[in-house]
Amino acid sequence: MNRLTVTLVGLLALLLVAAGLVGWSIEGSMTLLTAGLAWGGMMLGLVLLYVRFSDIKRLVGRKSSRYAANMVVMVGVFFTVVVLMSVLGERHKSRVDLTREGRFTLSSQTVKTLAALEDPVHAIAFYRSEAGTVHAKQRQEAQDLLEEYASLSPKFTFQFVDPDRNPGLASKYGVSEYRIILFMSGGRSVKIGNEREETFTNKLIKLVQEKQKSVYFVVGHGENDLSSTGKNGYRVARDALMQENYLIKELPLLQVPEVPSDAAVVVISSPEADLTKPELDKLDRYYTGGGALLAQIDPGHPPAFKTWLEQYGFRLQDDVIIDQQSQVYGSNHLTPVVYAYHAKHPLTEGFTLLSYFPIANSVYIDEDPAKGRYQLALTGPNSWTEVDRTQLESGQAEYNEDRERRGPVPVMAVTTTTAVSEAMDASAEERRYGKFLLVGDSDFANNTNINLAGNGDLFLNTVNWLSDEADLIAVRAKKRGETPVVLTASQGRAIFWIPVVLVPSAVLISGVGIYSRRRWAR
């Protein structure tokens, strides 16, 4: 067998083995074809080894062959170390998310929800197995997210099903389309049609909660409109609460004998007119009976409502908070920025996001842990309470130490009371506590501002705490937009020519030059 034949047979053997291995990696399993290709290549290699055994023995005895063998051993050791590091990395995972917005880190709400799972949750993802561009991308995104969820809780498991290859299972669960994920637990299920974390977590919360709680918004006095899509409307806040699995209802107090018994929270959001005494009496009975109230009152509030609040220890001021530091955060001086929260209250403990309160008045309460009275959120030290409306209207507001208070200024306060219907000697676990939280602004949660910084999380956490859903108090997943890299035409050409053309060409030319020099030196 001459040298040319040996070379051709050797190349054919390598090609057959490579084709078999590539086919195996693509198919994911060793088929008859891939096994045949790999086997044929190895047989040709053995035949070549047998025919040219004397030449191979002579080649191994050379000094250059020993050097080559040493290099092969070193390369083998290197790849062995890489494989061992990969195995250790797979078993002991640790990741650091260096993206500015935490793109690859699950939100604290997701982590808390998974940690609180009591019953097993199984997810079935119905995706096509074909490697189409769009389908493969969607499937990979879903798999990555499900793997993250499963890594945080042993009670969360998942599987992928191709509806085309397993139509019986798809029919069993009533799935007739691709890109559907079912979360199932305790005989119940919820359906998901995208690969977003906020959707996964909201559906998971809906699945594990046994009963939907109702949040009532008082209407009939010019309050924020739940159905309005205008800048001052509360449509976005309503939808966000519904995503957290709440039932949202309106409460016309004059038309009902009492606050409904299923009310988990009652919200009074910036009434323009005073509530009547019968209406306030109904709220009194609801609160003292263990209910939860959230009042959001803007400057220029109704006087009778302010007086009613005082019986519970609140002091709602006739002022407007001015904050010079807010301009640093891209806002104006009438939008105070809050970054100081009460560190020991369960609602604000660990909350570190900025929140904005456009045109807010101060809310004071004498702190008393025994009565559950706390000032929860305060503006910065460069803020003050402006009481001179003339200066406000002229845009010349200045701090007057004789009449006004320097910051920090509280904009949120809370108090609690033990339900009067409970026996006074009942244990702490048996008592029901009324909760009353007052915010000196309603604009922070309207359609315009609820998505600013931590506003939405603060509003939703407030409702969750009032409704005794402490497990849902967290920072939620944000909608993550694309962050494209925009290049100029010259930058695009440079990225093409340097790594694609110039660098490979330089390596090729250097290799040819070294080879030629060594060949002529012999």
Protein backbone atom coordinates (compact mmCIF):
# COMPACT_ATOMS: atom_id res chain seq x y z
CA MET A 1 0.00 0.00 0.00
CA ASN A 2 1.69 3.20 -1.19
CA ARG A 3 1.83 6.48 0.73
CA LEU A 4 -1.04 8.14 -1.18
CA THR A 5 -3.37 5.22 -0.52
CA VAL A 6 -2.45 5.20 3.18
CA THR A 7 -3.18 8.93 3.40
CA LEU A 8 -6.56 8.59 1.69
CA VAL A 9 -7.58 5.61 3.86
CA GLY A 10 -6.50 7.47 7.00
CA LEU A 11 -8.51 10.56 6.03
CA LEU A 12 -11.54 8.41 5.21
CA ALA A 13 -11.32 6.69 8.60
CA LEU A 14 -11.17 10.03 10.40
CA LEU A 15 -14.10 11.39 8.40
CA LEU A 16 -16.25 8.36 9.15
CA VAL A 17 -15.55 8.51 12.88
CA ALA A 18 -16.16 12.29 12.93
CA ALA A 19 -19.43 11.88 10.99
CA GLY A 20 -20.62 9.27 13.47
CA LEU A 21 -19.79 11.44 16.49
CA VAL A 22 -21.39 14.56 14.97
CA GLY A 23 -24.54 12.61 14.09
CA TRP A 24 -24.67 11.23 17.65
CA SER A 25 -24.42 14.72 19.16
CA ILE A 26 -27.13 16.10 16.86
CA GLU A 27 -29.60 13.26 17.33
CA GLY A 28 -28.94 12.97 21.05
CA SER A 29 -28.72 9.17 20.78
CA MET A 30 -26.64 6.57 18.91
CA THR A 31 -28.71 5.51 15.89
CA LEU A 32 -27.87 2.62 13.56
CA LEU A 33 -26.46 5.02 10.95
CA THR A 34 -24.21 6.94 13.34
CA ALA A 35 -23.00 3.73 14.96
CA GLY A 36 -22.26 2.25 11.54
CA LEU A 37 -20.25 5.29 10.44
CA ALA A 38 -18.17 5.36 13.62
CA TRP A 39 -17.64 1.58 13.52
CA GLY A 40 -16.58 1.67 9.86
CA GLY A 41 -14.06 4.43 10.56
CA MET A 42 -12.53 2.51 13.45
CA MET A 43 -12.28 -0.67 11.37
CA LEU A 44 -10.46 1.20 8.60
CA GLY A 45 -8.13 2.60 11.23
CA LEU A 46 -7.36 -0.88 12.54
CA VAL A 47 -6.71 -2.15 9.02
CA LEU A 48 -4.34 0.77 8.44
CA LEU A 49 -2.58 0.05 11.73
CA TYR A 50 -2.11 -3.60 10.74
CA VAL A 51 -0.82 -2.88 7.25
CA ARG A 52 1.62 -0.14 8.25
CA PHE A 53 2.57 -1.51 11.67
CA SER A 54 6.31 -1.61 10.90
CA ASP A 55 6.31 2.01 9.71
CA ILE A 56 4.37 3.06 12.81
CA LYS A 57 6.85 1.21 15.06
CA ARG A 58 9.75 2.95 13.34
CA LEU A 59 7.99 6.32 13.65
CA VAL A 60 7.38 5.86 17.38
CA GLY A 61 11.05 5.22 17.96
CA ARG A 62 12.10 8.63 16.65
CA LYS A 63 13.05 11.49 18.97
CA SER A 64 10.45 13.78 17.41
CA SER A 65 7.77 11.18 18.08
CA ARG A 66 8.64 11.14 21.76
CA TYR A 67 8.28 14.91 21.86
CA ALA A 68 4.93 14.58 20.12
CA ALA A 69 3.85 11.93 22.62
CA ASN A 70 4.77 14.23 25.48
CA MET A 71 2.66 16.95 23.95
CA VAL A 72 -0.26 14.55 23.53
CA VAL A 73 0.03 13.62 27.22
CA MET A 74 0.09 17.29 28.25
CA VAL A 75 -2.92 18.06 26.09
CA GLY A 76 -4.70 15.06 27.59
CA VAL A 77 -3.94 16.26 31.11
CA PHE A 78 -5.20 19.73 30.23
CA PHE A 79 -8.50 18.43 28.89
CA THR A 80 -8.85 16.10 31.89
CA VAL A 81 -8.53 19.10 34.22
CA VAL A 82 -11.09 21.03 32.15
CA VAL A 83 -13.55 18.12 32.31
CA LEU A 84 -13.09 17.74 36.08
CA MET A 85 -13.65 21.49 36.57
CA SER A 86 -16.81 21.25 34.46
CA VAL A 87 -18.12 18.36 36.54
CA LEU A 88 -17.40 20.20 39.79
CA GLY A 89 -19.00 23.34 38.41
CA GLU A 90 -22.14 21.41 37.47
CA ARG A 91 -22.44 19.86 40.94
CA HIS A 92 -21.55 23.00 42.90
CA LYS A 93 -23.08 25.88 40.97
CA SER A 94 -22.35 29.49 41.83
CA ARG A 95 -23.23 32.39 39.55
CA VAL A 96 -22.63 36.13 39.59
CA ASP A 97 -24.98 38.36 37.60
CA LEU A 98 -22.98 41.37 36.38
CA THR A 99 -25.75 42.91 34.27
CA ARG A 100 -26.90 46.35 35.38
CA GLU A 101 -30.56 45.38 35.75
CA GLY A 102 -30.05 41.86 37.11
CA ARG A 103 -31.21 40.27 33.87
CA PHE A 104 -30.21 36.75 34.92
CA THR A 105 -31.23 36.88 38.58
CA LEU A 106 -34.63 35.78 39.83
CA SER A 107 -36.55 38.39 41.81
CA SER A 108 -36.93 38.13 45.58
CA GLN A 109 -40.67 37.57 45.08
CA THR A 110 -39.94 34.44 43.04
CA VAL A 111 -37.42 33.17 45.59
CA LYS A 112 -39.85 33.68 48.48
CA THR A 113 -42.73 32.08 46.60
CA LEU A 114 -40.72 28.96 45.78
CA ALA A 115 -39.31 28.74 49.31
CA ALA A 116 -42.85 28.84 50.72
CA LEU A 117 -44.17 25.94 48.61
CA GLU A 118 -45.89 23.39 50.83
CA ASP A 119 -47.23 21.03 48.15
CA PRO A 120 -45.39 19.68 45.09
CA VAL A 121 -45.79 21.66 41.87
CA HIS A 122 -45.18 19.97 38.52
CA ALA A 123 -44.79 21.89 35.28
CA ILE A 124 -45.34 20.42 31.81
CA ALA A 125 -43.99 22.50 28.93
CA PHE A 126 -45.49 21.75 25.51
CA TYR A 127 -42.87 22.83 22.94
CA ARG A 128 -41.76 21.52 19.57
CA SER A 129 -38.50 19.57 19.50
CA GLU A 130 -37.40 20.78 16.05
CA ALA A 131 -34.42 23.07 15.95
CA GLY A 132 -36.20 25.92 14.20
CA THR A 133 -34.79 29.36 15.02
CA VAL A 134 -37.80 30.83 16.80
CA HIS A 135 -39.06 27.61 18.40
CA ALA A 136 -35.61 26.63 19.66
CA LYS A 137 -35.07 30.07 21.21
CA GLN A 138 -38.44 29.98 22.99
CA ARG A 139 -37.89 26.43 24.21
CA GLN A 140 -34.42 27.28 25.52
CA GLU A 141 -35.72 30.35 27.37
CA ALA A 142 -38.47 28.27 28.98
CA GLN A 143 -36.01 25.52 29.93
CA ASP A 144 -33.54 27.97 31.45
CA LEU A 145 -36.28 29.58 33.56
CA LEU A 146 -37.78 26.28 34.68
CA GLU A 147 -34.35 24.98 35.66
CA GLU A 148 -33.84 28.11 37.80
CA TYR A 149 -37.18 27.51 39.53
CA ALA A 150 -36.40 23.84 40.12
CA SER A 151 -32.99 24.70 41.58
CA LEU A 152 -34.66 26.84 44.27
CA SER A 153 -37.19 24.30 45.47
CA PRO A 154 -37.14 20.48 45.50
CA LYS A 155 -40.95 20.61 45.34
CA PHE A 156 -40.88 22.19 41.89
CA THR A 157 -40.33 19.76 38.99
CA PHE A 158 -40.85 20.01 35.25
CA GLN A 159 -40.80 18.09 31.98
CA PHE A 160 -40.96 18.94 28.29
CA VAL A 161 -43.46 17.34 25.92
CA ASP A 162 -43.56 17.64 22.13
CA PRO A 163 -47.29 17.73 21.18
CA ASP A 164 -46.45 16.26 17.75
CA ARG A 165 -44.63 13.24 19.17
CA ASN A 166 -46.92 12.75 22.17
CA PRO A 167 -50.40 13.87 21.07
CA GLY A 168 -52.08 11.65 23.66
CA LEU A 169 -50.58 13.54 26.59
CA ALA A 170 -51.35 16.90 24.97
CA SER A 171 -54.96 15.81 24.45
CA LYS A 172 -55.19 14.61 28.05
CA TYR A 173 -54.41 18.10 29.33
CA GLY A 174 -56.45 19.89 26.68
CA VAL A 175 -53.44 21.45 24.95
CA SER A 176 -53.88 21.99 21.23
CA GLU A 177 -51.10 24.48 20.53
CA TYR A 178 -47.38 24.93 21.02
CA ARG A 179 -45.64 27.12 23.62
CA ILE A 180 -47.96 26.24 26.51
CA ILE A 181 -46.77 25.54 30.05
CA LEU A 182 -49.03 24.00 32.69
CA PHE A 183 -48.35 24.41 36.40
CA MET A 184 -50.17 21.68 38.36
CA SER A 185 -50.61 21.06 42.07
CA GLY A 186 -53.26 19.38 44.18
CA GLY A 187 -55.57 18.66 41.26
CA ARG A 188 -55.52 22.27 40.05
CA SER A 189 -53.66 23.80 37.11
CA VAL A 190 -52.87 27.15 35.52
CA LYS A 191 -51.83 27.83 31.93
CA ILE A 192 -48.90 30.00 30.79
CA GLY A 193 -48.22 31.17 27.24
CA ASN A 194 -44.84 32.93 27.45
CA GLU A 195 -41.40 32.67 29.02
CA ARG A 196 -41.44 35.67 31.38
CA GLU A 197 -40.54 35.34 35.05
CA GLU A 198 -43.26 37.72 36.23
CA THR A 199 -45.89 35.56 34.50
CA PHE A 200 -44.47 32.33 35.94
CA THR A 201 -44.45 33.67 39.49
CA ASN A 202 -47.89 35.29 39.31
CA LYS A 203 -49.39 32.05 38.00
CA LEU A 204 -47.57 30.07 40.68
CA ILE A 205 -49.03 32.33 43.36
CA LYS A 206 -52.49 31.88 41.87
CA LEU A 207 -52.02 28.09 41.84
CA VAL A 208 -50.90 27.67 45.45
CA GLN A 209 -53.35 30.11 47.04
CA GLU A 210 -56.45 28.27 48.13
CA LYS A 211 -58.74 31.30 47.99
CA GLN A 212 -58.71 34.64 46.20
CA LYS A 213 -58.89 37.59 48.54
CA SER A 214 -60.99 40.66 47.77
CA VAL A 215 -59.73 44.23 47.78
CA TYR A 216 -62.48 46.87 47.87
CA PHE A 217 -61.98 50.43 46.62
CA VAL A 218 -64.33 53.01 48.11
CA VAL A 219 -66.16 55.00 45.39
CA GLY A 220 -68.61 57.86 45.24
CA HIS A 221 -66.44 60.76 46.45
CA GLY A 222 -64.22 61.47 43.42
CA GLU A 223 -61.63 58.80 44.21
CA ASN A 224 -59.05 57.57 41.69
CA ASP A 225 -60.83 55.75 38.86
CA LEU A 226 -59.95 52.05 38.65
CA SER A 227 -60.95 51.79 34.98
CA SER A 228 -59.28 55.00 33.76
CA THR A 229 -56.25 54.76 31.50
CA GLY A 230 -55.46 58.46 31.99
CA LYS A 231 -52.35 59.60 33.81
CA ASN A 232 -54.18 59.91 37.15
CA GLY A 233 -56.19 56.69 36.76
CA TYR A 234 -55.65 53.45 38.68
CA ARG A 235 -56.08 50.96 35.86
CA VAL A 236 -52.45 49.77 36.05
CA ALA A 237 -52.63 49.39 39.84
CA ARG A 238 -55.86 47.41 39.50
CA ASP A 239 -54.31 45.08 36.91
CA ALA A 240 -51.20 44.62 39.06
CA LEU A 241 -53.34 43.56 42.03
CA MET A 242 -55.26 41.13 39.83
CA GLN A 243 -51.93 39.65 38.72
CA GLU A 244 -51.24 39.01 42.41
CA ASN A 245 -54.47 36.97 42.48
CA TYR A 246 -56.74 39.53 44.17
CA LEU A 247 -60.38 40.14 43.31
CA ILE A 248 -60.87 43.89 42.82
CA LYS A 249 -64.28 45.33 43.69
CA GLU A 250 -65.83 48.77 44.13
CA LEU A 251 -67.44 49.74 47.44
CA PRO A 252 -70.20 52.40 47.43
CA LEU A 253 -70.45 52.79 51.21
CA LEU A 254 -73.78 54.62 51.16
CA GLN A 255 -75.45 51.72 49.35
CA VAL A 256 -74.35 48.87 51.63
CA PRO A 257 -75.34 48.21 55.25
CA GLU A 258 -71.77 47.27 56.24
CA VAL A 259 -68.39 46.67 54.68
CA PRO A 260 -68.63 43.18 53.08
CA SER A 261 -67.31 40.39 55.26
CA ASP A 262 -65.03 39.08 52.48
CA ALA A 263 -63.07 42.36 52.32
CA ALA A 264 -59.39 41.59 52.90
CA VAL A 265 -58.47 45.27 52.40
CA VAL A 266 -60.51 48.44 51.92
CA VAL A 267 -58.78 51.26 50.02
CA ILE A 268 -59.79 54.93 50.25
CA SER A 269 -57.82 56.58 47.46
CA SER A 270 -57.87 60.39 47.44
CA PRO A 271 -61.55 61.31 47.92
CA GLU A 272 -62.34 64.84 46.72
CA ALA A 273 -65.41 65.12 48.97
CA ASP A 274 -65.83 64.21 52.60
CA LEU A 275 -67.28 60.87 53.58
CA THR A 276 -70.49 61.12 55.55
CA LYS A 277 -70.68 60.10 59.21
CA PRO A 278 -72.60 56.86 58.44
CA GLU A 279 -69.88 55.93 55.95
CA LEU A 280 -67.10 56.65 58.44
CA ASP A 281 -68.97 54.65 61.09
CA LYS A 282 -69.02 51.64 58.77
CA LEU A 283 -65.25 51.97 58.26
CA ASP A 284 -64.85 52.26 62.05
CA ARG A 285 -66.69 49.03 62.66
CA TYR A 286 -64.79 47.26 59.92
CA TYR A 287 -61.40 48.35 61.27
CA THR A 288 -62.08 47.72 64.96
CA GLY A 289 -63.50 44.34 64.01
CA GLY A 290 -60.15 43.26 62.56
CA GLY A 291 -60.30 44.79 59.08
CA ALA A 292 -57.49 46.39 57.07
CA LEU A 293 -57.70 49.97 55.77
CA LEU A 294 -55.44 51.76 53.30
CA ALA A 295 -56.04 55.52 53.01
CA GLN A 296 -54.17 57.53 50.36
CA ILE A 297 -54.85 61.22 50.86
CA ASP A 298 -53.51 64.06 48.67
CA PRO A 299 -52.96 67.69 49.77
CA GLY A 300 -56.20 69.65 49.99
CA HIS A 301 -57.88 66.73 51.72
CA PRO A 302 -61.44 66.88 53.06
CA PRO A 303 -61.42 68.38 56.60
CA ALA A 304 -63.83 65.88 58.18
CA PHE A 305 -61.70 62.98 57.00
CA LYS A 306 -58.63 64.55 58.59
CA THR A 307 -60.50 64.84 61.91
CA TRP A 308 -61.64 61.22 61.66
CA LEU A 309 -58.02 60.08 61.19
CA GLU A 310 -56.92 61.85 64.37
CA GLN A 311 -58.85 59.46 66.61
CA TYR A 312 -56.43 56.72 65.50
CA GLY A 313 -53.33 58.78 66.20
CA PHE A 314 -52.65 60.07 62.67
CA ARG A 315 -51.76 63.73 62.13
CA LEU A 316 -52.34 64.56 58.47
CA GLN A 317 -50.81 67.99 57.82
CA ASP A 318 -51.99 70.86 55.62
CA ASP A 319 -48.70 71.14 53.76
CA VAL A 320 -46.81 70.06 50.64
CA ILE A 321 -43.42 68.37 50.86
CA ILE A 322 -40.59 70.12 49.00
CA ASP A 323 -37.48 68.10 48.21
CA GLN A 324 -34.48 69.79 46.58
CA GLN A 325 -32.59 66.50 46.34
CA SER A 326 -35.24 65.03 44.02
CA GLN A 327 -33.68 66.94 41.11
CA VAL A 328 -30.60 64.73 41.48
CA TYR A 329 -32.83 61.74 40.66
CA GLY A 330 -34.32 63.40 37.57
CA SER A 331 -37.50 64.67 39.23
CA ASN A 332 -38.72 68.08 40.41
CA HIS A 333 -38.84 69.65 43.86
CA LEU A 334 -42.55 68.82 44.26
CA THR A 335 -41.81 65.10 43.96
CA PRO A 336 -40.02 64.05 47.15
CA VAL A 337 -37.85 60.96 46.93
CA VAL A 338 -38.11 58.36 49.70
CA TYR A 339 -35.16 56.09 50.41
CA ALA A 340 -35.41 55.69 54.21
CA TYR A 341 -37.82 53.00 55.45
CA HIS A 342 -38.51 51.58 58.89
CA ALA A 343 -36.04 48.75 59.33
CA LYS A 344 -38.04 46.76 61.90
CA HIS A 345 -41.53 46.74 60.39
CA PRO A 346 -42.35 43.64 58.29
CA LEU A 347 -43.72 45.79 55.45
CA THR A 348 -40.57 47.86 54.90
CA GLU A 349 -37.89 45.63 56.41
CA GLY A 350 -35.23 45.09 53.78
CA PHE A 351 -36.94 47.37 51.23
CA THR A 352 -34.21 49.48 49.60
CA LEU A 353 -35.75 50.80 46.37
CA LEU A 354 -36.34 54.50 45.82
CA SER A 355 -39.96 55.62 45.65
CA TYR A 356 -41.45 58.88 44.40
CA PHE A 357 -44.43 60.73 45.89
CA PRO A 358 -45.56 63.58 43.61
CA ILE A 359 -47.25 66.47 45.47
CA ALA A 360 -47.52 64.78 48.85
CA ASN A 361 -48.38 65.99 52.35
CA SER A 362 -46.73 64.82 55.53
CA VAL A 363 -48.21 62.12 57.74
CA TYR A 364 -47.16 61.92 61.40
CA ILE A 365 -47.89 59.45 64.15
CA ASP A 366 -46.31 59.03 67.59
CA GLU A 367 -44.37 55.79 67.26
CA ASP A 368 -45.43 53.14 69.76
CA PRO A 369 -44.51 49.50 69.00
CA ALA A 370 -47.01 48.30 71.62
CA LYS A 371 -49.82 49.81 69.53
CA GLY A 372 -48.23 48.93 66.21
CA ARG A 373 -47.63 52.61 65.40
CA TYR A 374 -44.73 53.34 63.05
CA GLN A 375 -43.63 55.98 60.58
CA LEU A 376 -42.76 53.73 57.66
CA ALA A 377 -41.29 55.92 54.92
CA LEU A 378 -39.42 59.22 55.15
CA THR A 379 -38.00 61.73 52.69
CA GLY A 380 -34.40 62.93 52.73
CA PRO A 381 -32.80 65.56 55.00
CA ASN A 382 -32.95 68.24 52.28
CA SER A 383 -36.75 68.20 52.21
CA TRP A 384 -39.17 70.32 54.22
CA THR A 385 -42.91 70.84 54.69
CA GLU A 386 -44.12 73.95 52.85
CA VAL A 387 -47.27 75.52 54.31
CA ASP A 388 -47.30 78.81 52.37
CA ARG A 389 -49.47 78.17 49.31
CA THR A 390 -48.60 81.62 47.93
CA GLN A 391 -44.93 80.70 47.69
CA LEU A 392 -45.84 77.38 46.10
CA GLU A 393 -47.96 79.01 43.42
CA SER A 394 -45.25 81.58 42.66
CA GLY A 395 -42.53 78.92 42.49
CA GLN A 396 -40.47 80.72 45.14
CA ALA A 397 -40.82 78.24 48.02
CA GLU A 398 -38.23 78.68 50.76
CA TYR A 399 -37.76 76.95 54.08
CA ASN A 400 -39.07 78.89 57.08
CA GLU A 401 -37.81 77.36 60.31
CA ASP A 402 -40.48 79.13 62.39
CA ARG A 403 -43.45 77.54 60.61
CA GLU A 404 -42.15 74.55 58.68
CA ARG A 405 -40.36 71.30 59.46
CA ARG A 406 -37.09 70.17 58.02
CA GLY A 407 -36.77 66.60 56.73
CA PRO A 408 -36.74 63.70 57.06
CA VAL A 409 -40.51 63.98 56.57
CA PRO A 410 -42.78 60.91 56.97
CA VAL A 411 -45.18 60.15 54.12
CA MET A 412 -46.44 56.75 55.34
CA ALA A 413 -47.63 55.76 58.82
CA VAL A 414 -49.43 52.75 60.29
CA THR A 415 -51.33 51.75 63.39
CA THR A 416 -53.09 48.60 64.55
CA THR A 417 -55.80 47.63 67.00
CA THR A 418 -56.95 44.35 68.52
CA ALA A 419 -60.38 43.38 67.23
CA VAL A 420 -63.03 44.22 69.83
CA SER A 421 -64.96 41.07 68.92
CA GLU A 422 -62.16 38.87 70.23
CA ALA A 423 -61.97 37.74 73.86
CA MET A 424 -59.44 39.84 75.74
CA ASP A 425 -57.84 36.72 77.23
CA ALA A 426 -57.36 35.03 73.88
CA SER A 427 -53.86 34.03 72.89
CA ALA A 428 -51.88 36.10 70.40
CA GLU A 429 -52.48 33.49 67.70
CA GLU A 430 -56.25 33.69 68.14
CA ARG A 431 -56.57 37.47 68.16
CA ARG A 432 -57.38 39.38 65.00
CA TYR A 433 -55.70 42.74 64.50
CA GLY A 434 -57.13 45.67 62.62
CA LYS A 435 -54.55 47.41 60.43
CA PHE A 436 -54.74 51.01 59.28
CA LEU A 437 -52.10 52.46 56.96
CA LEU A 438 -52.10 56.11 55.82
CA VAL A 439 -50.16 57.51 52.86
CA GLY A 440 -49.91 61.25 52.26
CA ASP A 441 -50.23 60.82 48.50
CA SER A 442 -52.21 58.78 45.97
CA ASP A 443 -50.31 59.80 42.84
CA PHE A 444 -47.39 57.48 43.62
CA ALA A 445 -49.52 54.51 42.48
CA ASN A 446 -51.39 56.04 39.55
CA ASN A 447 -50.90 55.01 35.92
CA THR A 448 -48.08 57.52 35.43
CA ASN A 449 -45.96 56.73 38.46
CA ILE A 450 -46.59 53.14 39.57
CA ASN A 451 -43.78 51.82 37.38
CA LEU A 452 -41.25 54.36 38.67
CA ALA A 453 -38.42 52.75 40.67
CA GLY A 454 -39.95 51.03 43.71
CA ASN A 455 -43.43 52.61 43.61
CA GLY A 456 -45.21 49.54 42.31
CA ASP A 457 -43.46 47.17 44.71
CA LEU A 458 -44.23 49.45 47.65
CA PHE A 459 -47.92 49.69 46.74
CA LEU A 460 -48.34 45.95 46.18
CA ASN A 461 -46.35 45.08 49.31
CA THR A 462 -48.62 47.40 51.30
CA VAL A 463 -51.73 45.58 50.11
CA ASN A 464 -50.09 42.19 50.71
CA TRP A 465 -49.16 43.08 54.28
CA LEU A 466 -52.61 44.46 55.03
CA SER A 467 -54.22 41.28 53.65
CA ASP A 468 -51.94 39.02 55.72
CA GLU A 469 -50.00 37.81 52.70
CA ALA A 470 -46.55 38.44 54.16
CA ASP A 471 -44.96 35.82 51.88
CA LEU A 472 -45.73 38.06 48.89
CA ILE A 473 -43.86 41.07 50.28
CA ALA A 474 -40.87 41.28 47.96
CA VAL A 475 -39.32 42.99 44.97
CA ARG A 476 -40.96 41.73 41.81
CA ALA A 477 -39.50 40.77 38.47
CA LYS A 478 -39.28 43.68 36.08
CA LYS A 479 -40.13 43.49 32.43
CA ARG A 480 -36.82 43.19 30.70
CA GLY A 481 -36.49 44.93 27.40
CA GLU A 482 -33.87 44.30 24.78
CA THR A 483 -30.55 46.12 25.15
CA PRO A 484 -29.18 46.25 21.60
CA VAL A 485 -25.63 47.37 20.80
CA VAL A 486 -25.80 50.15 18.21
CA LEU A 487 -22.70 50.39 16.00
CA THR A 488 -21.67 52.87 13.37
CA ALA A 489 -20.89 51.67 9.84
CA SER A 490 -17.13 51.96 10.44
CA GLN A 491 -17.38 50.05 13.74
CA GLY A 492 -19.35 47.29 12.01
CA ARG A 493 -16.73 46.98 9.26
CA ALA A 494 -13.93 46.93 11.86
CA ILE A 495 -15.64 44.11 13.80
CA PHE A 496 -15.88 42.11 10.56
CA TRP A 497 -12.40 42.70 9.14
CA ILE A 498 -10.29 42.42 12.30
CA PRO A 499 -11.49 39.10 13.87
CA VAL A 500 -12.87 37.47 10.70
CA VAL A 501 -10.24 38.38 8.10
CA LEU A 502 -7.09 40.01 9.48
CA VAL A 503 -6.39 37.84 12.54
CA PRO A 504 -6.96 34.46 10.78
CA SER A 505 -4.94 35.67 7.79
CA ALA A 506 -2.03 36.68 10.02
CA VAL A 507 -2.08 33.28 11.73
CA LEU A 508 -2.20 31.48 8.37
CA ILE A 509 0.62 33.51 6.86
CA SER A 510 2.78 33.01 9.97
CA GLY A 511 2.18 29.27 9.85
CA VAL A 512 3.08 29.06 6.15
CA GLY A 513 6.22 31.13 6.74
CA ILE A 514 7.43 28.98 9.65
CA TYR A 515 6.72 25.78 7.73
CA SER A 516 8.58 27.01 4.64
CA ARG A 517 11.57 28.17 6.65
CA ARG A 518 11.92 24.83 8.42
CA ARG A 519 11.52 22.90 5.17
CA TRP A 520 14.26 24.87 3.37
CA ALA A 521 16.53 24.62 6.41
CA ARG A 522 16.68 20.82 6.12
